[in-house]
Protein backbone atom coordinates (compact mmCIF):
# COMPACT_ATOMS: atom_id res chain seq x y z
CA MET A 1 104.73 71.12 11.70
CA SER A 2 104.63 67.33 11.37
CA VAL A 3 105.92 65.23 14.27
CA ARG A 4 107.35 61.76 13.92
CA GLU A 5 108.42 60.26 17.20
CA LEU A 6 108.20 57.13 19.30
CA VAL A 7 106.66 57.51 22.77
CA VAL A 8 107.75 54.60 24.96
CA LEU A 9 105.06 53.66 27.49
CA GLY A 10 106.56 50.42 28.83
CA THR A 11 109.64 48.29 28.30
CA ALA A 12 109.38 45.18 30.51
CA SER A 13 109.00 41.62 29.29
CA GLN A 14 106.60 39.10 30.87
CA VAL A 15 106.15 40.94 34.17
CA PRO A 16 106.38 44.64 35.09
CA THR A 17 109.06 45.74 37.54
CA ARG A 18 109.40 48.69 39.88
CA HIS A 19 110.98 50.69 37.09
CA ARG A 20 109.47 49.19 33.95
CA ASN A 21 105.82 48.88 32.96
CA HIS A 22 104.52 46.18 30.66
CA ASN A 23 105.06 46.93 26.96
CA GLY A 24 103.39 49.85 25.25
CA TYR A 25 104.50 52.13 22.42
CA LEU A 26 102.94 55.00 20.49
CA LEU A 27 104.25 56.15 17.14
CA ARG A 28 103.27 59.72 16.31
CA TRP A 29 103.31 60.11 12.55
CA ASP A 30 102.17 63.40 11.02
CA GLY A 31 99.22 63.92 13.33
CA ARG A 32 98.23 60.27 13.45
CA GLY A 33 98.91 57.82 16.25
CA ILE A 34 99.65 54.10 16.05
CA MET A 35 99.77 52.19 19.32
CA PHE A 36 101.77 48.96 19.48
CA ASP A 37 101.36 46.14 22.01
CA PRO A 38 99.46 47.74 24.91
CA GLY A 39 100.34 45.64 27.95
CA GLU A 40 98.85 45.91 31.42
CA GLY A 41 98.99 49.45 32.79
CA THR A 42 99.15 51.17 29.40
CA GLN A 43 96.19 53.45 30.13
CA ARG A 44 97.98 54.94 33.16
CA GLN A 45 101.25 55.24 31.25
CA MET A 46 99.38 57.18 28.56
CA LEU A 47 98.35 59.68 31.21
CA ARG A 48 101.91 60.02 32.48
CA ALA A 49 103.27 60.48 28.94
CA GLY A 50 100.65 62.99 27.85
CA VAL A 51 99.07 60.61 25.33
CA ALA A 52 95.31 61.01 24.89
CA ALA A 53 92.83 58.46 23.57
CA HIS A 54 92.07 60.97 20.80
CA ASP A 55 95.66 60.48 19.57
CA LEU A 56 95.00 56.87 18.56
CA ASP A 57 94.12 55.93 14.99
CA ARG A 58 95.40 52.35 14.98
CA ILE A 59 96.30 49.66 17.48
CA CYS A 60 98.74 46.96 16.34
CA VAL A 61 99.16 43.84 18.45
CA THR A 62 102.04 41.52 17.57
CA HIS A 63 100.71 38.50 19.51
CA PHE A 64 98.50 37.53 22.41
CA HIS A 65 100.85 37.05 25.30
CA GLY A 66 99.74 39.14 28.26
CA ASP A 67 102.64 41.58 28.36
CA HIS A 68 101.70 42.65 24.81
CA SER A 69 97.91 42.71 25.03
CA LEU A 70 96.42 42.82 28.55
CA GLY A 71 96.10 46.60 28.27
CA LEU A 72 93.75 46.32 25.32
CA ALA A 73 90.66 46.18 27.54
CA GLY A 74 91.46 49.46 29.27
CA VAL A 75 92.62 51.26 26.12
CA ILE A 76 89.53 50.25 24.15
CA GLN A 77 87.20 51.29 26.95
CA ARG A 78 89.05 54.61 27.29
CA ILE A 79 88.62 55.27 23.57
CA ASN A 80 84.88 54.84 24.04
CA LEU A 81 84.69 56.75 27.32
CA ASP A 82 86.42 59.74 25.72
CA GLN A 83 84.26 59.42 22.58
CA VAL A 84 87.10 59.58 20.10
CA PRO A 85 85.59 61.27 17.04
CA HIS A 86 87.18 59.03 14.39
CA PRO A 87 87.26 55.27 13.75
CA VAL A 88 90.13 53.29 15.29
CA THR A 89 91.48 50.24 13.47
CA ALA A 90 92.88 47.24 15.34
CA HIS A 91 95.35 44.82 13.73
CA TYR A 92 96.27 41.52 15.41
CA PRO A 93 96.98 37.90 14.40
CA ALA A 94 93.78 36.32 13.15
CA SER A 95 94.50 33.18 15.16
CA GLY A 96 94.00 35.26 18.32
CA GLN A 97 90.50 36.42 17.43
CA ARG A 98 89.00 34.86 20.55
CA PHE A 99 91.52 36.65 22.76
CA PHE A 100 90.82 39.98 21.10
CA GLU A 101 87.07 39.55 21.60
CA ARG A 102 87.53 38.61 25.26
CA LEU A 103 89.66 41.69 25.87
CA ARG A 104 87.38 43.97 23.87
CA TYR A 105 84.37 42.89 25.90
CA ALA A 106 86.10 42.10 29.19
CA THR A 107 83.55 44.20 31.14
CA ALA A 108 80.40 46.17 30.49
CA TYR A 109 80.73 49.61 28.89
CA ARG A 110 78.97 51.80 26.35
CA GLU A 111 80.40 51.64 22.84
CA THR A 112 80.54 55.10 21.28
CA VAL A 113 83.38 54.68 18.77
CA LYS A 114 83.69 52.61 15.62
CA LEU A 115 86.45 50.07 16.29
CA VAL A 116 87.39 48.40 13.01
CA GLU A 117 88.79 44.91 13.41
CA ALA A 118 91.39 44.08 10.74
CA PRO A 119 93.02 40.73 11.65
CA VAL A 120 96.36 39.83 10.07
CA THR A 121 96.36 36.58 8.10
CA ALA A 122 99.56 36.75 6.03
CA ASP A 123 102.63 38.80 5.19
CA GLY A 124 102.03 41.94 3.16
CA PRO A 125 100.30 45.33 3.17
CA LEU A 126 97.53 45.95 5.71
CA ALA A 127 96.60 49.54 4.99
CA VAL A 128 97.55 52.35 2.61
CA THR A 129 97.17 56.00 3.63
CA ASP A 130 98.42 59.22 2.07
CA THR A 131 101.52 59.22 4.31
CA TYR A 132 102.40 55.53 4.79
CA THR A 133 101.76 51.91 3.90
CA LEU A 134 101.45 49.58 6.89
CA GLU A 135 102.87 46.09 6.36
CA ALA A 136 103.09 42.92 8.47
CA HIS A 137 105.60 40.07 8.47
CA ARG A 138 105.39 36.78 10.35
CA LEU A 139 107.85 36.24 13.19
CA SER A 140 109.07 33.10 15.01
CA HIS A 141 107.54 32.72 18.47
CA PRO A 142 105.67 29.91 20.29
CA VAL A 143 102.38 31.63 19.42
CA GLU A 144 101.57 33.32 16.10
CA SER A 145 103.27 36.69 16.01
CA TYR A 146 103.64 39.47 13.43
CA GLY A 147 105.91 42.48 13.26
CA TYR A 148 104.82 45.75 11.66
CA ARG A 149 106.50 48.18 9.27
CA LEU A 150 105.53 51.65 8.02
CA VAL A 151 106.82 52.75 4.63
CA GLU A 152 106.41 56.35 3.49
CA PRO A 153 106.00 56.85 -0.29
CA ASP A 154 109.09 58.16 -2.02
CA GLY A 155 109.00 61.85 -2.89
CA ARG A 156 111.24 64.20 -4.87
CA ARG A 157 113.87 66.70 -3.76
CA ILE A 158 114.28 69.81 -5.91
CA LEU A 159 117.92 70.61 -6.80
CA PRO A 160 118.46 74.40 -6.84
CA GLY A 161 121.59 74.08 -8.99
CA LYS A 162 119.68 72.19 -11.67
CA LEU A 163 116.87 74.76 -11.59
CA ALA A 164 119.43 77.51 -12.15
CA GLU A 165 121.02 75.62 -15.08
CA HIS A 166 117.65 75.60 -16.83
CA GLY A 167 116.70 79.13 -15.83
CA ILE A 168 113.72 78.03 -13.76
CA LYS A 169 112.81 80.30 -10.85
CA GLY A 170 109.92 81.98 -9.05
CA PRO A 171 106.43 80.64 -9.81
CA ASP A 172 107.85 78.31 -12.48
CA VAL A 173 109.33 76.13 -9.72
CA GLY A 174 105.83 75.35 -8.49
CA ARG A 175 104.60 74.78 -12.03
CA ILE A 176 107.22 72.16 -12.87
CA GLN A 177 106.55 70.39 -9.57
CA ARG A 178 102.84 70.36 -10.27
CA ASP A 179 102.88 69.55 -13.99
CA GLY A 180 106.02 67.40 -14.22
CA ALA A 181 107.50 69.44 -17.09
CA LEU A 182 108.01 73.05 -18.19
CA ASN A 183 109.18 74.32 -21.57
CA GLY A 184 110.74 70.99 -22.44
CA VAL A 185 112.44 70.50 -19.06
CA THR A 186 111.19 67.53 -17.05
CA LEU A 187 110.92 67.32 -13.29
CA ASP A 188 113.43 64.44 -13.36
CA GLN A 189 116.04 66.82 -14.79
CA VAL A 190 115.83 69.24 -11.85
CA SER A 191 115.17 66.89 -8.93
CA GLU A 192 116.09 63.56 -7.40
CA ILE A 193 114.18 60.86 -5.56
CA ARG A 194 113.80 61.49 -1.83
CA ARG A 195 113.41 58.10 -0.22
CA GLY A 196 110.44 57.80 2.11
CA GLN A 197 111.03 57.05 5.77
CA ARG A 198 110.68 53.57 7.18
CA PHE A 199 109.76 52.49 10.70
CA ALA A 200 109.81 48.88 11.93
CA PHE A 201 108.44 47.26 15.08
CA VAL A 202 109.71 43.77 15.98
CA MET A 203 108.70 42.04 19.18
CA ASP A 204 108.95 38.50 20.52
CA THR A 205 110.79 36.36 17.99
CA ARG A 206 113.81 34.28 17.20
CA LEU A 207 115.96 35.35 14.28
CA CYS A 208 113.97 34.64 11.11
CA ASP A 209 113.26 36.00 7.64
CA GLY A 210 110.57 38.25 9.06
CA VAL A 211 113.05 40.09 11.28
CA HIS A 212 115.27 40.90 8.31
CA ALA A 213 112.37 41.90 6.05
CA LEU A 214 110.99 44.28 8.68
CA ALA A 215 114.37 45.83 9.53
CA GLU A 216 115.62 46.33 5.97
CA GLY A 217 116.55 50.00 5.44
CA ALA A 218 114.59 51.18 8.49
CA ASP A 219 115.20 54.71 9.71
CA MET A 220 114.07 53.48 13.12
CA LEU A 221 113.87 49.89 14.31
CA VAL A 222 112.19 49.14 17.64
CA ILE A 223 113.15 45.59 18.51
CA GLU A 224 113.05 43.26 21.48
CA SER A 225 116.28 42.23 23.16
CA THR A 226 114.90 40.22 26.03
CA PHE A 227 118.19 38.50 26.86
CA LEU A 228 121.89 39.25 26.95
CA ASP A 229 124.15 37.22 24.69
CA GLU A 230 125.33 34.85 27.41
CA ASP A 231 121.75 33.58 27.67
CA VAL A 232 121.32 32.86 23.96
CA ARG A 233 120.07 29.32 24.62
CA LEU A 234 117.26 30.68 26.79
CA ALA A 235 116.44 33.21 24.08
CA THR A 236 116.19 30.54 21.41
CA ASP A 237 114.20 28.15 23.60
CA HIS A 238 111.63 30.83 24.48
CA GLY A 239 111.45 32.49 21.06
CA HIS A 240 113.36 35.69 21.79
CA LEU A 241 116.41 37.69 20.72
CA THR A 242 119.55 38.72 22.53
CA ALA A 243 120.99 42.23 22.41
CA GLY A 244 123.75 41.09 20.08
CA GLN A 245 121.36 39.30 17.72
CA ALA A 246 119.06 42.32 17.51
CA ALA A 247 121.96 44.68 16.88
CA ALA A 248 123.52 42.42 14.25
CA ALA A 249 120.21 42.28 12.39
CA ALA A 250 120.03 46.10 12.53
CA ARG A 251 123.63 46.37 11.34
CA ASP A 252 123.04 44.10 8.35
CA ALA A 253 119.79 45.92 7.46
CA GLY A 254 121.35 49.39 7.45
CA VAL A 255 119.16 50.67 10.29
CA ARG A 256 119.82 54.31 11.20
CA HIS A 257 118.38 54.39 14.76
CA LEU A 258 118.07 51.20 16.82
CA VAL A 259 115.80 51.13 19.86
CA LEU A 260 116.30 48.08 22.10
CA THR A 261 113.47 47.20 24.48
CA HIS A 262 111.48 44.37 26.15
CA PHE A 263 114.06 43.49 28.79
CA SER A 264 113.93 40.48 31.10
CA GLN A 265 113.58 41.33 34.79
CA ARG A 266 116.68 39.21 35.48
CA TYR A 267 118.94 42.07 34.32
CA HIS A 268 119.58 45.26 36.27
CA ASP A 269 122.22 47.05 34.18
CA PRO A 270 120.77 48.64 31.00
CA ALA A 271 124.28 49.59 29.90
CA ALA A 272 125.05 45.91 29.31
CA PHE A 273 122.60 45.89 26.39
CA GLU A 274 124.33 48.88 24.83
CA ARG A 275 127.77 47.30 25.24
CA GLN A 276 126.65 44.10 23.54
CA ALA A 277 124.89 45.97 20.73
CA ARG A 278 128.08 47.92 20.00
CA ALA A 279 130.17 44.76 20.25
CA ALA A 280 127.94 43.26 17.52
CA GLY A 281 129.06 46.03 15.19
CA PHE A 282 126.07 48.35 15.15
CA ASP A 283 127.44 51.90 14.84
CA GLY A 284 124.29 53.92 14.19
CA GLU A 285 122.16 55.82 16.68
CA LEU A 286 121.25 53.59 19.61
CA SER A 287 118.67 53.98 22.37
CA ILE A 288 118.15 51.63 25.30
CA ALA A 289 114.46 52.20 25.92
CA GLN A 290 113.23 53.56 29.23
CA ASP A 291 109.61 54.08 30.22
CA LEU A 292 108.20 57.47 29.14
CA MET A 293 111.14 58.12 26.79
CA ARG A 294 110.48 60.05 23.57
CA VAL A 295 112.63 59.15 20.55
CA PRO A 296 112.42 61.25 17.36
CA VAL A 297 112.42 59.38 14.07
CA PRO A 298 115.64 60.42 12.31
CA LYS A 299 115.25 63.24 9.81
CA ARG A 300 115.34 62.36 6.13
CA THR A 301 118.78 62.25 4.60
């Protein structure tokens, strides 16, 4: 059975706290694992969350501030120590190539795994697999930053009533799905499009076109809300979002499940983020991220 869920490894911004590790997120998607923004301490959080190095197929870094990338050194070395049997691809802003290389070779170790470097240079598709297309969109932050989006190909949903109208049953159902037509009846006549799922990951940024492009129609949006609304000037000055801004973007994009994360250490009441998100008019599923939380991607509608 396929599993699609977000495993939250860390939720702090800038510095870890007693209760929040630096950033770190793993998306499980049909037996594949995509890690986003491994901050300091991610390797230990993986252990606590039951995430193995073998689970990783891709690593996506939004930008090279420490709370989003200092864990790369440990994660990469762990991949090699555990001799992961498949290649692992790393995506990151091309302008941060020197930082990636420094982290990749921060200390001596034996390389046993093929780590494919795939720097991001512009908006658009980065990779196409049989279960998703990975895209990137530029964000607005003091250093170059990209958000990521997974888009599952659309499929088709068979309509039993339409099958019955055309007298199609038993093995013929499989035949029309495979061949696209049967005895003059097309697959379009007995099915409808089943929209593929969409997952978006948005970290440090002001409101910008990239935020809206990434969030559009997402079944799950993981998005930073570093500040509360009363500190909107700080958010803008430092290239971040408030809880209300993030929720309003999710509302306008039709997001089904909003996950707020990346909280400033100045705040001690997580419920305040939920109150402001609801006040902004977001009425879908809402999670205020906590370390080691697991959040299922909503089922297809």
